[in-house]
Amino acid sequence: MSLSPTQRRYLRSLAHDLSPVILLGNKGATEAVAKELGNALDQHELVKVKLSGGDKEERQAQIAFLSGQTGAEAVQEIGHVVVLFRRNEQDPKLALPR
């Protein structure tokens, strides 16, 4: 699934007031974290994740791992926080603009 620029802008506006649902610790992105993130994406579709410390390459690796494991798409990344989106096909909660 690829998001258009309009859809990304809309999702960024929705994510502005969200608090991080998933907080990564010292171990970073693990299978257990990816499973919990998958559950959160099933319920909310749009989730903020606070990444663990480290340099930019380490954070990019964490985002790639979480996106790959859950099938989510990164909408926005600011510092140590990333916003991920995955459409719930059975029960969509967010109406995306065309």
Protein backbone atom coordinates (compact mmCIF):
# COMPACT_ATOMS: atom_id res chain seq x y z
CA MET A 1 0.00 0.00 0.00
CA SER A 2 1.39 3.35 -0.97
CA LEU A 3 0.03 6.57 0.47
CA SER A 4 -0.41 9.70 -1.61
CA PRO A 5 1.02 13.00 -0.34
CA THR A 6 -2.51 14.18 0.51
CA GLN A 7 -3.15 11.05 2.57
CA ARG A 8 0.20 11.44 4.37
CA ARG A 9 -0.61 15.06 5.23
CA TYR A 10 -4.02 14.02 6.56
CA LEU A 11 -2.54 11.22 8.68
CA ARG A 12 0.14 13.55 10.05
CA SER A 13 -2.59 15.96 11.15
CA LEU A 14 -4.44 13.14 12.93
CA ALA A 15 -1.26 11.91 14.62
CA HIS A 16 -0.34 15.31 16.00
CA ASP A 17 -2.36 14.90 19.22
CA LEU A 18 -1.55 11.19 19.74
CA SER A 19 0.73 9.96 22.50
CA PRO A 20 3.25 7.19 21.79
CA VAL A 21 1.59 3.78 22.26
CA ILE A 22 4.77 1.71 21.91
CA LEU A 23 7.98 2.67 23.71
CA LEU A 24 11.15 0.85 22.72
CA GLY A 25 13.63 0.10 25.49
CA ASN A 26 17.31 -0.83 25.55
CA LYS A 27 16.76 -3.99 23.49
CA GLY A 28 15.23 -1.98 20.65
CA ALA A 29 12.86 -3.55 18.15
CA THR A 30 12.21 -7.23 18.91
CA GLU A 31 9.71 -9.84 17.74
CA ALA A 32 7.60 -9.25 20.88
CA VAL A 33 7.48 -5.51 20.22
CA ALA A 34 6.50 -6.14 16.60
CA LYS A 35 3.68 -8.42 17.75
CA GLU A 36 2.34 -5.79 20.17
CA LEU A 37 2.65 -3.13 17.49
CA GLY A 38 0.64 -5.36 15.14
CA ASN A 39 -2.11 -5.60 17.78
CA ALA A 40 -2.08 -1.83 18.29
CA LEU A 41 -2.28 -1.24 14.52
CA ASP A 42 -5.25 -3.63 14.29
CA GLN A 43 -7.10 -1.56 16.89
CA HIS A 44 -6.05 1.99 16.00
CA GLU A 45 -4.60 1.91 12.43
CA LEU A 46 -2.46 4.97 13.26
CA VAL A 47 0.16 4.54 16.00
CA LYS A 48 3.02 6.62 17.38
CA VAL A 49 6.16 4.72 18.41
CA LYS A 50 8.94 6.20 20.53
CA LEU A 51 12.23 4.68 19.37
CA SER A 52 15.12 3.83 21.65
CA GLY A 53 18.23 5.98 21.69
CA GLY A 54 21.00 5.67 19.19
CA ASP A 55 22.11 7.32 16.02
CA LYS A 56 19.99 7.92 12.94
CA GLU A 57 21.06 4.67 11.23
CA GLU A 58 19.98 2.63 14.26
CA ARG A 59 16.60 4.37 14.35
CA GLN A 60 16.16 3.79 10.59
CA ALA A 61 16.92 0.09 11.14
CA GLN A 62 14.29 -0.06 13.91
CA ILE A 63 11.71 1.60 11.65
CA ALA A 64 12.52 -0.78 8.78
CA PHE A 65 12.23 -3.81 11.09
CA LEU A 66 8.90 -2.71 12.59
CA SER A 67 7.46 -1.76 9.19
CA GLY A 68 8.58 -5.03 7.64
CA GLN A 69 7.25 -7.19 10.45
CA THR A 70 3.85 -5.49 10.66
CA GLY A 71 3.24 -4.42 7.07
CA ALA A 72 2.81 -0.82 8.22
CA GLU A 73 3.96 2.28 6.41
CA ALA A 74 5.90 5.08 8.08
CA VAL A 75 3.93 8.31 7.77
CA GLN A 76 6.25 10.65 9.65
CA GLU A 77 9.50 10.57 11.60
CA ILE A 78 10.54 13.37 13.93
CA GLY A 79 13.53 12.74 16.16
CA HIS A 80 12.92 9.59 18.17
CA VAL A 81 9.20 9.33 17.31
CA VAL A 82 7.75 7.64 14.25
CA VAL A 83 4.10 7.45 13.14
CA LEU A 84 3.05 4.17 11.51
CA PHE A 85 -0.16 3.43 9.59
CA ARG A 86 -1.71 0.15 8.49
CA ARG A 87 -5.26 -0.11 7.14
CA ASN A 88 -7.52 -2.59 8.94
CA GLU A 89 -9.25 -4.24 5.98
CA GLN A 90 -12.04 -5.89 8.01
CA ASP A 91 -12.98 -2.84 10.10
CA PRO A 92 -11.47 0.41 8.74
CA LYS A 93 -11.50 3.19 11.33
CA LEU A 94 -9.99 6.09 9.39
CA ALA A 95 -11.42 7.46 6.16
CA LEU A 96 -8.52 8.51 3.94
CA PRO A 97 -8.93 11.28 1.35
CA ARG A 98 -8.47 10.27 -2.27
